[in-house]
Amino acid sequence: MSAIPILGVIFAFIIAIVWVAESEHTKREKAKIEATLRSEEMARGYEAGTYSIRDNEEEDLPENLKRVRDRLEEGIVDLKKRINNMDANK
């Protein structure tokens, strides 16, 4: 009868150790990802930690990003037209 609580304590201890090890591994992986993102930002010429493209520096954007932005703007205009048409038909 006394073996059951002892085994319970042992399993709980093992589970706690595995949980702590996994959380530390996750923290290390997050740090690696953040470092990679920072190095990519610096390689592209952005300020570290910004992850953004400023509107007043549009001439610095690569052509593919300009095209993506243009397509998004066209999509927004199209959606606004559709909403206006739906409102007019009511």
C-alpha atoms as a PDB file:
ATOM      1  CA  MET A   1       0.000   0.000   0.000  1.00  0.00           C
ATOM      2  CA  SER A   2       2.818   2.457   0.686  1.00  0.00           C
ATOM      3  CA  ALA A   3       4.276   1.851  -2.794  1.00  0.00           C
ATOM      4  CA  ILE A   4       1.389   3.676  -4.529  1.00  0.00           C
ATOM      5  CA  PRO A   5       2.078   7.125  -2.966  1.00  0.00           C
ATOM      6  CA  ILE A   6       5.801   6.701  -3.566  1.00  0.00           C
ATOM      7  CA  LEU A   7       5.207   5.897  -7.254  1.00  0.00           C
ATOM      8  CA  GLY A   8       2.836   8.876  -7.472  1.00  0.00           C
ATOM      9  CA  VAL A   9       5.506  11.189  -6.094  1.00  0.00           C
ATOM     10  CA  ILE A  10       8.112   9.784  -8.472  1.00  0.00           C
ATOM     11  CA  PHE A  11       5.851  10.221 -11.515  1.00  0.00           C
ATOM     12  CA  ALA A  12       4.888  13.735 -10.419  1.00  0.00           C
ATOM     13  CA  PHE A  13       8.585  14.595 -10.054  1.00  0.00           C
ATOM     14  CA  ILE A  14       9.360  13.210 -13.528  1.00  0.00           C
ATOM     15  CA  ILE A  15       6.462  15.138 -15.056  1.00  0.00           C
ATOM     16  CA  ALA A  16       7.624  18.343 -13.362  1.00  0.00           C
ATOM     17  CA  ILE A  17      11.183  17.886 -14.660  1.00  0.00           C
ATOM     18  CA  VAL A  18       9.965  17.238 -18.217  1.00  0.00           C
ATOM     19  CA  TRP A  19       7.673  20.302 -18.061  1.00  0.00           C
ATOM     20  CA  VAL A  20      10.516  22.565 -16.886  1.00  0.00           C
ATOM     21  CA  ALA A  21      12.863  21.193 -19.549  1.00  0.00           C
ATOM     22  CA  GLU A  22      10.290  21.778 -22.299  1.00  0.00           C
ATOM     23  CA  SER A  23       9.578  25.323 -21.139  1.00  0.00           C
ATOM     24  CA  GLU A  24      13.299  26.109 -21.175  1.00  0.00           C
ATOM     25  CA  HIS A  25      13.597  24.611 -24.654  1.00  0.00           C
ATOM     26  CA  THR A  26      10.687  26.764 -25.821  1.00  0.00           C
ATOM     27  CA  LYS A  27      12.325  29.884 -24.375  1.00  0.00           C
ATOM     28  CA  ARG A  28      15.570  29.098 -26.208  1.00  0.00           C
ATOM     29  CA  GLU A  29      13.719  28.519 -29.489  1.00  0.00           C
ATOM     30  CA  LYS A  30      11.870  31.831 -29.089  1.00  0.00           C
ATOM     31  CA  ALA A  31      15.168  33.600 -28.513  1.00  0.00           C
ATOM     32  CA  LYS A  32      16.630  32.033 -31.664  1.00  0.00           C
ATOM     33  CA  ILE A  33      13.611  33.124 -33.702  1.00  0.00           C
ATOM     34  CA  GLU A  34      13.815  36.678 -32.356  1.00  0.00           C
ATOM     35  CA  ALA A  35      17.529  36.842 -33.152  1.00  0.00           C
ATOM     36  CA  THR A  36      16.890  35.619 -36.684  1.00  0.00           C
ATOM     37  CA  LEU A  37      14.145  38.202 -37.179  1.00  0.00           C
ATOM     38  CA  ARG A  38      16.405  40.969 -35.882  1.00  0.00           C
ATOM     39  CA  SER A  39      19.218  39.954 -38.207  1.00  0.00           C
ATOM     40  CA  GLU A  40      16.812  39.862 -41.165  1.00  0.00           C
ATOM     41  CA  GLU A  41      15.567  43.339 -40.274  1.00  0.00           C
ATOM     42  CA  MET A  42      19.083  44.691 -40.096  1.00  0.00           C
ATOM     43  CA  ALA A  43      19.990  43.017 -43.398  1.00  0.00           C
ATOM     44  CA  ARG A  44      17.005  44.684 -45.066  1.00  0.00           C
ATOM     45  CA  GLY A  45      17.869  48.046 -43.571  1.00  0.00           C
ATOM     46  CA  TYR A  46      14.978  48.438 -41.126  1.00  0.00           C
ATOM     47  CA  GLU A  47      15.467  49.591 -37.585  1.00  0.00           C
ATOM     48  CA  ALA A  48      15.713  46.624 -35.251  1.00  0.00           C
ATOM     49  CA  GLY A  49      12.429  45.765 -33.576  1.00  0.00           C
ATOM     50  CA  THR A  50      10.168  47.761 -35.875  1.00  0.00           C
ATOM     51  CA  TYR A  51       8.923  45.023 -38.251  1.00  0.00           C
ATOM     52  CA  SER A  52       7.188  47.782 -40.196  1.00  0.00           C
ATOM     53  CA  ILE A  53       7.434  49.723 -43.406  1.00  0.00           C
ATOM     54  CA  ARG A  54       7.046  53.442 -43.015  1.00  0.00           C
ATOM     55  CA  ASP A  55       4.798  55.219 -45.522  1.00  0.00           C
ATOM     56  CA  ASN A  56       7.191  58.116 -46.114  1.00  0.00           C
ATOM     57  CA  GLU A  57       9.954  55.765 -47.248  1.00  0.00           C
ATOM     58  CA  GLU A  58       7.994  54.174 -50.075  1.00  0.00           C
ATOM     59  CA  GLU A  59      10.823  54.693 -52.536  1.00  0.00           C
ATOM     60  CA  ASP A  60      12.964  52.289 -50.492  1.00  0.00           C
ATOM     61  CA  LEU A  61      10.462  49.464 -50.942  1.00  0.00           C
ATOM     62  CA  PRO A  62      11.329  46.644 -53.291  1.00  0.00           C
ATOM     63  CA  GLU A  63       9.087  46.384 -56.345  1.00  0.00           C
ATOM     64  CA  ASN A  64       7.272  43.255 -55.196  1.00  0.00           C
ATOM     65  CA  LEU A  65       6.206  44.937 -51.959  1.00  0.00           C
ATOM     66  CA  LYS A  66       4.929  47.926 -53.931  1.00  0.00           C
ATOM     67  CA  ARG A  67       2.869  45.577 -56.093  1.00  0.00           C
ATOM     68  CA  VAL A  68       1.456  43.822 -53.041  1.00  0.00           C
ATOM     69  CA  ARG A  69       0.536  47.165 -51.484  1.00  0.00           C
ATOM     70  CA  ASP A  70      -1.096  48.290 -54.749  1.00  0.00           C
ATOM     71  CA  ARG A  71      -3.128  45.078 -54.970  1.00  0.00           C
ATOM     72  CA  LEU A  72      -4.261  45.490 -51.368  1.00  0.00           C
ATOM     73  CA  GLU A  73      -5.304  49.084 -52.013  1.00  0.00           C
ATOM     74  CA  GLU A  74      -7.224  47.991 -55.132  1.00  0.00           C
ATOM     75  CA  GLY A  75      -8.937  45.278 -53.101  1.00  0.00           C
ATOM     76  CA  ILE A  76      -9.958  47.785 -50.454  1.00  0.00           C
ATOM     77  CA  VAL A  77     -11.399  50.116 -53.078  1.00  0.00           C
ATOM     78  CA  ASP A  78     -13.263  47.198 -54.668  1.00  0.00           C
ATOM     79  CA  LEU A  79     -14.706  46.161 -51.301  1.00  0.00           C
ATOM     80  CA  LYS A  80     -15.847  49.723 -50.627  1.00  0.00           C
ATOM     81  CA  LYS A  81     -17.605  49.778 -54.024  1.00  0.00           C
ATOM     82  CA  ARG A  82     -19.330  46.473 -53.262  1.00  0.00           C
ATOM     83  CA  ILE A  83     -20.484  47.712 -49.857  1.00  0.00           C
ATOM     84  CA  ASN A  84     -21.822  50.901 -51.416  1.00  0.00           C
ATOM     85  CA  ASN A  85     -23.659  48.857 -54.072  1.00  0.00           C
ATOM     86  CA  MET A  86     -25.178  46.615 -51.391  1.00  0.00           C
ATOM     87  CA  ASP A  87     -26.267  49.654 -49.383  1.00  0.00           C
ATOM     88  CA  ALA A  88     -27.781  51.274 -52.512  1.00  0.00           C
ATOM     89  CA  ASN A  89     -29.779  48.119 -53.348  1.00  0.00           C
ATOM     90  CA  LYS A  90     -31.476  47.950 -49.954  1.00  0.00           C
END
